[in-house]
C-alpha atoms as a PDB file:
ATOM      1  CA  MET A   1       0.000   0.000   0.000  1.00  0.00           C
ATOM      2  CA  SER A   2       2.924   2.329   0.649  1.00  0.00           C
ATOM      3  CA  GLU A   3       4.039   1.731  -2.956  1.00  0.00           C
ATOM      4  CA  ARG A   4       0.675   3.073  -4.215  1.00  0.00           C
ATOM      5  CA  LYS A   5       1.045   6.251  -2.177  1.00  0.00           C
ATOM      6  CA  GLN A   6       4.588   6.751  -3.454  1.00  0.00           C
ATOM      7  CA  GLN A   7       3.609   6.522  -7.116  1.00  0.00           C
ATOM      8  CA  PRO A   8       1.131   9.398  -7.082  1.00  0.00           C
ATOM      9  CA  ALA A   9       3.573  11.491  -5.048  1.00  0.00           C
ATOM     10  CA  ALA A  10       6.335  10.789  -7.576  1.00  0.00           C
ATOM     11  CA  ALA A  11       3.980  11.603 -10.415  1.00  0.00           C
ATOM     12  CA  ARG A  12       3.036  14.867  -8.693  1.00  0.00           C
ATOM     13  CA  LYS A  13       6.702  15.746  -8.203  1.00  0.00           C
ATOM     14  CA  SER A  14       7.396  15.058 -11.893  1.00  0.00           C
ATOM     15  CA  ALA A  15       4.393  17.177 -12.986  1.00  0.00           C
ATOM     16  CA  ALA A  16       5.526  20.043 -10.741  1.00  0.00           C
ATOM     17  CA  SER A  17       9.044  19.985 -12.174  1.00  0.00           C
ATOM     18  CA  ASN A  18       7.628  20.052 -15.736  1.00  0.00           C
ATOM     19  CA  TRP A  19       6.439  23.658 -15.342  1.00  0.00           C
ATOM     20  CA  ILE A  20       9.280  24.966 -13.184  1.00  0.00           C
ATOM     21  CA  VAL A  21      11.953  24.894 -15.907  1.00  0.00           C
ATOM     22  CA  PRO A  22       9.833  26.759 -18.514  1.00  0.00           C
ATOM     23  CA  ALA A  23       8.771  29.296 -15.865  1.00  0.00           C
ATOM     24  CA  VAL A  24      12.389  30.013 -14.897  1.00  0.00           C
ATOM     25  CA  VAL A  25      13.387  30.338 -18.550  1.00  0.00           C
ATOM     26  CA  ALA A  26      10.456  32.711 -19.170  1.00  0.00           C
ATOM     27  CA  LEU A  27      11.488  34.868 -16.217  1.00  0.00           C
ATOM     28  CA  ILE A  28      15.066  35.073 -17.462  1.00  0.00           C
ATOM     29  CA  VAL A  29      13.941  36.006 -20.993  1.00  0.00           C
ATOM     30  CA  ALA A  30      11.568  38.648 -19.608  1.00  0.00           C
ATOM     31  CA  GLY A  31      14.328  40.073 -17.426  1.00  0.00           C
ATOM     32  CA  VAL A  32      16.734  40.314 -20.344  1.00  0.00           C
ATOM     33  CA  PHE A  33      14.025  41.954 -22.485  1.00  0.00           C
ATOM     34  CA  VAL A  34      13.295  44.576 -19.818  1.00  0.00           C
ATOM     35  CA  TRP A  35      16.997  45.241 -19.305  1.00  0.00           C
ATOM     36  CA  VAL A  36      17.619  45.692 -23.050  1.00  0.00           C
ATOM     37  CA  ARG A  37      14.644  48.074 -23.402  1.00  0.00           C
ATOM     38  CA  GLN A  38      16.018  50.231 -20.584  1.00  0.00           C
ATOM     39  CA  GLN A  39      19.431  50.671 -22.211  1.00  0.00           C
ATOM     40  CA  PRO A  40      19.924  54.074 -23.874  1.00  0.00           C
ATOM     41  CA  VAL A  41      19.957  54.198 -27.655  1.00  0.00           C
ATOM     42  CA  GLN A  42      23.481  54.985 -28.756  1.00  0.00           C
ATOM     43  CA  THR A  43      24.158  56.757 -32.012  1.00  0.00           C
ATOM     44  CA  PRO A  44      27.410  56.331 -33.892  1.00  0.00           C
ATOM     45  CA  PRO A  45      29.922  59.130 -33.327  1.00  0.00           C
ATOM     46  CA  SER A  46      29.441  60.363 -36.897  1.00  0.00           C
ATOM     47  CA  GLU A  47      25.794  61.153 -36.145  1.00  0.00           C
ATOM     48  CA  SER A  48      26.047  62.428 -32.601  1.00  0.00           C
ATOM     49  CA  SER A  49      29.125  64.628 -32.832  1.00  0.00           C
ATOM     50  CA  THR A  50      29.628  67.659 -34.995  1.00  0.00           C
ATOM     51  CA  ALA A  51      33.203  68.345 -33.856  1.00  0.00           C
ATOM     52  CA  GLY A  52      35.501  68.095 -36.843  1.00  0.00           C
ATOM     53  CA  ALA A  53      32.573  67.563 -39.196  1.00  0.00           C
ATOM     54  CA  PRO A  54      32.984  68.764 -42.750  1.00  0.00           C
ATOM     55  CA  ALA A  55      31.252  71.955 -43.826  1.00  0.00           C
ATOM     56  CA  GLY A  56      27.938  71.552 -45.612  1.00  0.00           C
ATOM     57  CA  PRO A  57      24.669  69.846 -44.744  1.00  0.00           C
ATOM     58  CA  VAL A  58      24.720  67.923 -41.497  1.00  0.00           C
ATOM     59  CA  ALA A  59      22.197  65.435 -40.142  1.00  0.00           C
ATOM     60  CA  SER A  60      20.345  66.942 -37.236  1.00  0.00           C
ATOM     61  CA  MET A  61      20.121  64.020 -34.869  1.00  0.00           C
ATOM     62  CA  VAL A  62      20.031  66.580 -32.071  1.00  0.00           C
ATOM     63  CA  PRO A  63      16.856  68.405 -33.078  1.00  0.00           C
ATOM     64  CA  GLU A  64      16.044  72.044 -32.693  1.00  0.00           C
ATOM     65  CA  MET A  65      14.347  72.774 -29.397  1.00  0.00           C
ATOM     66  CA  THR A  66      10.971  74.536 -29.161  1.00  0.00           C
ATOM     67  CA  GLY A  67      10.371  74.279 -25.419  1.00  0.00           C
ATOM     68  CA  ASP A  68       9.651  70.562 -25.579  1.00  0.00           C
ATOM     69  CA  ALA A  69      12.068  68.027 -27.003  1.00  0.00           C
ATOM     70  CA  VAL A  70      11.647  67.567 -30.735  1.00  0.00           C
ATOM     71  CA  PRO A  71      12.206  64.001 -31.945  1.00  0.00           C
ATOM     72  CA  SER A  72      15.153  63.304 -34.258  1.00  0.00           C
ATOM     73  CA  TYR A  73      15.136  64.077 -37.984  1.00  0.00           C
ATOM     74  CA  PHE A  74      17.620  64.783 -40.753  1.00  0.00           C
ATOM     75  CA  ALA A  75      18.463  68.393 -41.577  1.00  0.00           C
ATOM     76  CA  SER A  76      18.400  67.707 -45.326  1.00  0.00           C
ATOM     77  CA  ALA A  77      17.474  65.013 -47.812  1.00  0.00           C
ATOM     78  CA  GLU A  78      21.114  64.653 -48.871  1.00  0.00           C
ATOM     79  CA  VAL A  79      22.392  63.633 -45.452  1.00  0.00           C
ATOM     80  CA  ALA A  80      19.555  61.143 -45.035  1.00  0.00           C
ATOM     81  CA  ARG A  81      20.830  59.119 -48.006  1.00  0.00           C
ATOM     82  CA  PRO A  82      20.870  56.339 -48.653  1.00  0.00           C
ATOM     83  CA  TYR A  83      17.205  56.212 -47.716  1.00  0.00           C
ATOM     84  CA  PRO A  84      15.968  53.066 -46.034  1.00  0.00           C
ATOM     85  CA  LYS A  85      13.916  50.827 -48.316  1.00  0.00           C
ATOM     86  CA  THR A  86      10.258  51.308 -47.470  1.00  0.00           C
ATOM     87  CA  LEU A  87       7.737  48.482 -47.481  1.00  0.00           C
ATOM     88  CA  SER A  88       5.465  48.076 -50.471  1.00  0.00           C
ATOM     89  CA  PRO A  89       2.076  49.775 -50.001  1.00  0.00           C
ATOM     90  CA  GLU A  90       0.368  47.027 -52.016  1.00  0.00           C
ATOM     91  CA  GLN A  91       0.795  44.554 -49.164  1.00  0.00           C
ATOM     92  CA  PHE A  92      -1.524  46.508 -46.856  1.00  0.00           C
ATOM     93  CA  PRO A  93      -5.284  45.972 -47.208  1.00  0.00           C
ATOM     94  CA  ASN A  94      -6.105  49.087 -45.161  1.00  0.00           C
ATOM     95  CA  PRO A  95      -6.265  51.941 -47.708  1.00  0.00           C
ATOM     96  CA  ILE A  96      -5.085  54.598 -45.231  1.00  0.00           C
ATOM     97  CA  VAL A  97      -2.032  52.523 -44.249  1.00  0.00           C
ATOM     98  CA  ALA A  98      -1.304  51.758 -47.913  1.00  0.00           C
ATOM     99  CA  ARG A  99      -1.542  55.476 -48.729  1.00  0.00           C
ATOM    100  CA  ALA A 100       0.935  56.391 -45.975  1.00  0.00           C
ATOM    101  CA  TYR A 101       3.428  53.799 -47.268  1.00  0.00           C
ATOM    102  CA  ARG A 102       2.891  55.135 -50.810  1.00  0.00           C
ATOM    103  CA  VAL A 103       3.697  58.645 -49.559  1.00  0.00           C
ATOM    104  CA  ALA A 104       6.927  57.286 -48.056  1.00  0.00           C
ATOM    105  CA  GLN A 105       7.867  55.853 -51.453  1.00  0.00           C
ATOM    106  CA  GLN A 106       6.978  59.053 -53.312  1.00  0.00           C
ATOM    107  CA  ILE A 107       8.591  61.682 -51.036  1.00  0.00           C
ATOM    108  CA  PRO A 108      11.238  59.880 -48.941  1.00  0.00           C
ATOM    109  CA  GLY A 109      13.470  62.949 -48.722  1.00  0.00           C
ATOM    110  CA  VAL A 110      10.652  64.996 -47.234  1.00  0.00           C
ATOM    111  CA  LEU A 111       9.724  62.346 -44.644  1.00  0.00           C
ATOM    112  CA  ALA A 112      13.367  61.844 -43.652  1.00  0.00           C
ATOM    113  CA  GLN A 113      13.454  65.519 -42.649  1.00  0.00           C
ATOM    114  CA  GLN A 114      10.457  65.215 -40.327  1.00  0.00           C
ATOM    115  CA  PRO A 115      10.389  64.322 -36.627  1.00  0.00           C
ATOM    116  CA  CYS A 116       7.948  61.644 -35.523  1.00  0.00           C
ATOM    117  CA  TYR A 117       5.902  62.520 -32.473  1.00  0.00           C
ATOM    118  CA  CYS A 118       5.210  58.951 -31.426  1.00  0.00           C
ATOM    119  CA  PHE A 119       8.815  59.244 -30.175  1.00  0.00           C
ATOM    120  CA  CYS A 120       9.852  56.019 -31.910  1.00  0.00           C
ATOM    121  CA  TYR A 121      13.434  57.310 -31.931  1.00  0.00           C
ATOM    122  CA  LYS A 122      13.454  56.441 -28.227  1.00  0.00           C
ATOM    123  CA  THR A 123      11.789  53.041 -28.505  1.00  0.00           C
ATOM    124  CA  VAL A 124      13.018  51.602 -31.807  1.00  0.00           C
ATOM    125  CA  GLY A 125      15.814  53.947 -32.863  1.00  0.00           C
ATOM    126  CA  HIS A 126      14.098  55.632 -35.792  1.00  0.00           C
ATOM    127  CA  ARG A 127      16.024  58.629 -37.114  1.00  0.00           C
ATOM    128  CA  GLY A 128      13.071  60.424 -38.699  1.00  0.00           C
ATOM    129  CA  LEU A 129       9.544  59.827 -40.009  1.00  0.00           C
ATOM    130  CA  LEU A 130      10.777  57.898 -43.056  1.00  0.00           C
ATOM    131  CA  ASP A 131      12.163  55.104 -40.862  1.00  0.00           C
ATOM    132  CA  CYS A 132       8.599  54.349 -39.674  1.00  0.00           C
ATOM    133  CA  TYR A 133       7.856  53.064 -43.185  1.00  0.00           C
ATOM    134  CA  ALA A 134      10.945  50.865 -43.505  1.00  0.00           C
ATOM    135  CA  ASP A 135       9.281  48.418 -41.114  1.00  0.00           C
ATOM    136  CA  LEU A 136       5.776  47.617 -39.902  1.00  0.00           C
ATOM    137  CA  HIS A 137       5.765  50.428 -37.340  1.00  0.00           C
ATOM    138  CA  GLY A 138       3.771  52.704 -39.650  1.00  0.00           C
ATOM    139  CA  THR A 139       0.955  50.172 -39.956  1.00  0.00           C
ATOM    140  CA  SER A 140      -0.251  50.565 -36.400  1.00  0.00           C
ATOM    141  CA  CYS A 141       0.752  54.089 -35.431  1.00  0.00           C
ATOM    142  CA  SER A 142      -1.796  56.818 -36.115  1.00  0.00           C
ATOM    143  CA  VAL A 143       0.781  59.525 -35.342  1.00  0.00           C
ATOM    144  CA  CYS A 144       3.103  58.278 -38.093  1.00  0.00           C
ATOM    145  CA  ILE A 145       0.231  57.994 -40.560  1.00  0.00           C
ATOM    146  CA  GLN A 146      -1.154  61.446 -39.750  1.00  0.00           C
ATOM    147  CA  GLU A 147       2.287  63.016 -40.121  1.00  0.00           C
ATOM    148  CA  ALA A 148       2.926  61.320 -43.474  1.00  0.00           C
ATOM    149  CA  LEU A 149      -0.464  62.386 -44.838  1.00  0.00           C
ATOM    150  CA  LEU A 150       0.112  65.958 -43.642  1.00  0.00           C
ATOM    151  CA  ALA A 151       3.539  65.944 -45.316  1.00  0.00           C
ATOM    152  CA  GLU A 152       1.920  64.763 -48.557  1.00  0.00           C
ATOM    153  CA  LYS A 153      -0.745  67.490 -48.420  1.00  0.00           C
ATOM    154  CA  LEU A 154       1.737  70.270 -47.661  1.00  0.00           C
ATOM    155  CA  THR A 155       4.194  69.012 -50.311  1.00  0.00           C
ATOM    156  CA  ASN A 156       1.364  69.116 -52.874  1.00  0.00           C
ATOM    157  CA  GLU A 157       0.684  72.709 -51.766  1.00  0.00           C
ATOM    158  CA  GLY A 158       4.325  73.572 -52.522  1.00  0.00           C
ATOM    159  CA  ARG A 159       5.640  73.770 -48.959  1.00  0.00           C
ATOM    160  CA  THR A 160       9.298  73.027 -48.261  1.00  0.00           C
ATOM    161  CA  PRO A 161      10.413  70.234 -45.915  1.00  0.00           C
ATOM    162  CA  ALA A 162      11.389  72.891 -43.347  1.00  0.00           C
ATOM    163  CA  GLN A 163       7.896  74.429 -43.519  1.00  0.00           C
ATOM    164  CA  ILE A 164       6.357  70.974 -43.180  1.00  0.00           C
ATOM    165  CA  ARG A 165       8.569  70.306 -40.168  1.00  0.00           C
ATOM    166  CA  GLU A 166       7.333  73.537 -38.553  1.00  0.00           C
ATOM    167  CA  ALA A 167       3.741  72.379 -39.078  1.00  0.00           C
ATOM    168  CA  ILE A 168       4.500  68.958 -37.590  1.00  0.00           C
ATOM    169  CA  ILE A 169       6.263  70.474 -34.584  1.00  0.00           C
ATOM    170  CA  ARG A 170       3.288  72.801 -34.133  1.00  0.00           C
ATOM    171  CA  GLY A 171       1.055  69.706 -34.009  1.00  0.00           C
ATOM    172  CA  ASP A 172      -0.910  70.265 -37.220  1.00  0.00           C
ATOM    173  CA  TRP A 173      -0.793  66.504 -37.858  1.00  0.00           C
ATOM    174  CA  ARG A 174      -3.387  66.049 -35.071  1.00  0.00           C
ATOM    175  CA  SER A 175      -6.094  67.474 -37.323  1.00  0.00           C
ATOM    176  CA  VAL A 176      -5.520  64.956 -40.142  1.00  0.00           C
ATOM    177  CA  GLU A 177      -8.566  62.698 -40.518  1.00  0.00           C
ATOM    178  CA  LEU A 178      -7.883  58.984 -40.876  1.00  0.00           C
ATOM    179  CA  ASN A 179     -11.057  57.940 -42.671  1.00  0.00           C
END
């Protein structure tokens, strides 16, 4: 009879140890993930330092300040090159998302010169609005979409990238309808 009692206890011990190892592994992975997300984004010296930089257009990875911190952007289209390859708009069934990705393909130099107010430069290292369309970030971020559609509208009106940037910093993108 003592053998019968030992078998269920052994089976219980085995079942308990089956979930302990995956739980410990999950905790370690979660800890590493949290630690990595808390590490500061480091930019290469060529982007973060202007000492000894050649004369001419320079990438503005340290944005102009307007009271609040302005997210990163490039000071000109030339210094943003080579542009990151944007995703194809045809792969997105949502017409608004597809339109934003189409804008990124059509005016990459303009979008590269715009800050993105979802502050993705802090979370995923984007260097300007154009980077949001080099990955899937732009598919689920209304801020990125509104900014791209505003940039398209203002470009079609003949505004310069600097004028568009002023409008984005001012928050004009908030009034862009997404329907």
